[in-house]
Amino acid sequence: MTDFWFGFGHGMQWLLDGLVALGWLPVTVFTIVMAIGAIYWMMLQGRYNRRAKEKGEHI
């Protein structure tokens, strides 16, 4: 069992060292993806609101 946890710890250390080496890239990519998703969601919401207003189902 100790071998498993030491292996897990070494794997996490390797993963986090690689993440630190990337610097701000993961944060930047995450922010861009979330911004694009938010814009897409707002566009769809506008479309659904217009459709509901046309059908008289708007609250």
N, C-alpha and C. Protein backbone atom coordinates (compact mmCIF):
# COMPACT_ATOMS: atom_id res chain seq x y z
N MET A 1 0.82 -1.18 0.00
CA MET A 1 0.00 0.00 0.00
C MET A 1 0.87 1.25 0.00
N THR A 2 1.99 1.17 0.70
CA THR A 2 2.90 2.32 0.73
C THR A 2 3.45 2.61 -0.65
N ASP A 3 3.75 1.56 -1.40
CA ASP A 3 4.25 1.76 -2.76
C ASP A 3 3.22 2.49 -3.62
N PHE A 4 1.95 2.16 -3.45
CA PHE A 4 0.91 2.84 -4.21
C PHE A 4 0.89 4.33 -3.91
N TRP A 5 0.90 4.68 -2.61
CA TRP A 5 0.80 6.10 -2.25
C TRP A 5 2.05 6.88 -2.62
N PHE A 6 3.21 6.24 -2.52
CA PHE A 6 4.43 6.91 -2.96
C PHE A 6 4.39 7.13 -4.48
N GLY A 7 3.90 6.13 -5.22
CA GLY A 7 3.76 6.28 -6.67
C GLY A 7 2.76 7.37 -7.02
N PHE A 8 1.66 7.40 -6.29
CA PHE A 8 0.66 8.44 -6.50
C PHE A 8 1.25 9.82 -6.22
N GLY A 9 2.00 9.93 -5.14
CA GLY A 9 2.64 11.20 -4.79
C GLY A 9 3.65 11.65 -5.83
N HIS A 10 4.43 10.73 -6.33
CA HIS A 10 5.41 11.07 -7.37
C HIS A 10 4.70 11.49 -8.66
N GLY A 11 3.61 10.82 -8.99
CA GLY A 11 2.84 11.19 -10.17
C GLY A 11 2.25 12.59 -10.04
N MET A 12 1.71 12.89 -8.86
CA MET A 12 1.15 14.23 -8.63
C MET A 12 2.25 15.29 -8.67
N GLN A 13 3.40 14.98 -8.12
CA GLN A 13 4.53 15.91 -8.16
C GLN A 13 4.94 16.21 -9.59
N TRP A 14 5.01 15.15 -10.42
CA TRP A 14 5.35 15.32 -11.83
C TRP A 14 4.31 16.18 -12.54
N LEU A 15 3.02 15.90 -12.27
CA LEU A 15 1.93 16.64 -12.91
C LEU A 15 1.96 18.11 -12.51
N LEU A 16 2.12 18.40 -11.24
CA LEU A 16 2.12 19.77 -10.77
C LEU A 16 3.38 20.53 -11.19
N ASP A 17 4.52 19.84 -11.27
CA ASP A 17 5.73 20.49 -11.79
C ASP A 17 5.53 20.91 -13.24
N GLY A 18 4.86 20.05 -14.02
CA GLY A 18 4.57 20.39 -15.40
C GLY A 18 3.60 21.55 -15.50
N LEU A 19 2.62 21.59 -14.60
CA LEU A 19 1.66 22.68 -14.59
C LEU A 19 2.32 24.00 -14.23
N VAL A 20 3.23 23.97 -13.27
CA VAL A 20 3.95 25.19 -12.88
C VAL A 20 4.84 25.66 -14.03
N ALA A 21 5.42 24.72 -14.77
CA ALA A 21 6.30 25.09 -15.88
C ALA A 21 5.54 25.81 -16.99
N LEU A 22 4.23 25.56 -17.09
CA LEU A 22 3.43 26.21 -18.12
C LEU A 22 3.13 27.68 -17.80
N GLY A 23 3.33 28.05 -16.56
CA GLY A 23 3.12 29.45 -16.18
C GLY A 23 1.66 29.84 -16.24
N TRP A 24 1.36 30.94 -16.91
CA TRP A 24 0.01 31.49 -16.98
C TRP A 24 -0.82 30.88 -18.11
N LEU A 25 -0.27 29.97 -18.89
CA LEU A 25 -1.00 29.40 -20.02
C LEU A 25 -2.31 28.72 -19.61
N PRO A 26 -2.33 27.86 -18.60
CA PRO A 26 -3.61 27.22 -18.24
C PRO A 26 -4.67 28.23 -17.79
N VAL A 27 -4.27 29.24 -17.05
CA VAL A 27 -5.20 30.26 -16.58
C VAL A 27 -5.76 31.05 -17.76
N THR A 28 -4.89 31.40 -18.69
CA THR A 28 -5.31 32.16 -19.86
C THR A 28 -6.25 31.35 -20.73
N VAL A 29 -5.93 30.10 -20.98
CA VAL A 29 -6.78 29.23 -21.81
C VAL A 29 -8.14 29.05 -21.13
N PHE A 30 -8.16 28.81 -19.83
CA PHE A 30 -9.40 28.63 -19.09
C PHE A 30 -10.26 29.89 -19.19
N THR A 31 -9.65 31.06 -19.03
CA THR A 31 -10.39 32.31 -19.09
C THR A 31 -10.98 32.54 -20.47
N ILE A 32 -10.22 32.27 -21.52
CA ILE A 32 -10.70 32.45 -22.88
C ILE A 32 -11.87 31.49 -23.17
N VAL A 33 -11.73 30.25 -22.77
CA VAL A 33 -12.79 29.27 -23.00
C VAL A 33 -14.06 29.67 -22.25
N MET A 34 -13.93 30.12 -21.02
CA MET A 34 -15.11 30.54 -20.26
C MET A 34 -15.76 31.78 -20.86
N ALA A 35 -14.97 32.73 -21.37
CA ALA A 35 -15.52 33.93 -21.99
C ALA A 35 -16.27 33.57 -23.27
N ILE A 36 -15.70 32.70 -24.09
CA ILE A 36 -16.39 32.28 -25.32
C ILE A 36 -17.68 31.54 -24.98
N GLY A 37 -17.64 30.69 -23.97
CA GLY A 37 -18.84 29.99 -23.53
C GLY A 37 -19.91 30.94 -23.03
N ALA A 38 -19.52 31.97 -22.30
CA ALA A 38 -20.49 32.94 -21.79
C ALA A 38 -21.12 33.73 -22.93
N ILE A 39 -20.34 34.12 -23.91
CA ILE A 39 -20.87 34.85 -25.06
C ILE A 39 -21.85 33.95 -25.83
N TYR A 40 -21.48 32.71 -26.05
CA TYR A 40 -22.35 31.76 -26.75
C TYR A 40 -23.66 31.57 -25.99
N TRP A 41 -23.57 31.41 -24.68
CA TRP A 41 -24.75 31.22 -23.85
C TRP A 41 -25.66 32.44 -23.92
N MET A 42 -25.10 33.65 -23.88
CA MET A 42 -25.92 34.86 -23.97
C MET A 42 -26.59 34.98 -25.33
N MET A 43 -25.91 34.57 -26.40
CA MET A 43 -26.52 34.60 -27.72
C MET A 43 -27.69 33.63 -27.80
N LEU A 44 -27.52 32.43 -27.27
CA LEU A 44 -28.62 31.47 -27.25
C LEU A 44 -29.77 31.96 -26.39
N GLN A 45 -29.46 32.56 -25.26
CA GLN A 45 -30.51 33.07 -24.37
C GLN A 45 -31.31 34.16 -25.06
N GLY A 46 -30.63 35.03 -25.80
CA GLY A 46 -31.33 36.07 -26.56
C GLY A 46 -32.26 35.46 -27.60
N ARG A 47 -31.79 34.42 -28.28
CA ARG A 47 -32.62 33.74 -29.28
C ARG A 47 -33.85 33.11 -28.63
N TYR A 48 -33.65 32.45 -27.48
CA TYR A 48 -34.78 31.82 -26.80
C TYR A 48 -35.76 32.88 -26.28
N ASN A 49 -35.26 34.01 -25.82
CA ASN A 49 -36.14 35.08 -25.34
C ASN A 49 -36.97 35.65 -26.49
N ARG A 50 -36.34 35.87 -27.65
CA ARG A 50 -37.08 36.38 -28.81
C ARG A 50 -38.16 35.39 -29.25
N ARG A 51 -37.80 34.11 -29.28
CA ARG A 51 -38.76 33.08 -29.69
C ARG A 51 -39.93 33.01 -28.72
N ALA A 52 -39.64 33.09 -27.41
CA ALA A 52 -40.71 33.05 -26.41
C ALA A 52 -41.59 34.28 -26.52
N LYS A 53 -41.01 35.45 -26.79
CA LYS A 53 -41.79 36.68 -26.93
C LYS A 53 -42.71 36.60 -28.14
N GLU A 54 -42.21 36.02 -29.25
CA GLU A 54 -43.03 35.89 -30.45
C GLU A 54 -44.21 34.94 -30.23
N LYS A 55 -44.00 33.90 -29.44
CA LYS A 55 -45.06 32.93 -29.19
C LYS A 55 -45.96 33.34 -28.04
N GLY A 56 -45.64 34.45 -27.36
CA GLY A 56 -46.45 34.89 -26.22
C GLY A 56 -46.20 34.10 -24.96
N GLU A 57 -45.08 33.43 -24.88
CA GLU A 57 -44.75 32.61 -23.71
C GLU A 57 -43.75 33.30 -22.80
N HIS A 58 -43.45 34.56 -23.09
CA HIS A 58 -42.44 35.29 -22.30
C HIS A 58 -43.02 35.64 -20.94
N ILE A 59 -42.24 35.43 -19.91
CA ILE A 59 -42.71 35.72 -18.55
C ILE A 59 -42.46 37.18 -18.22
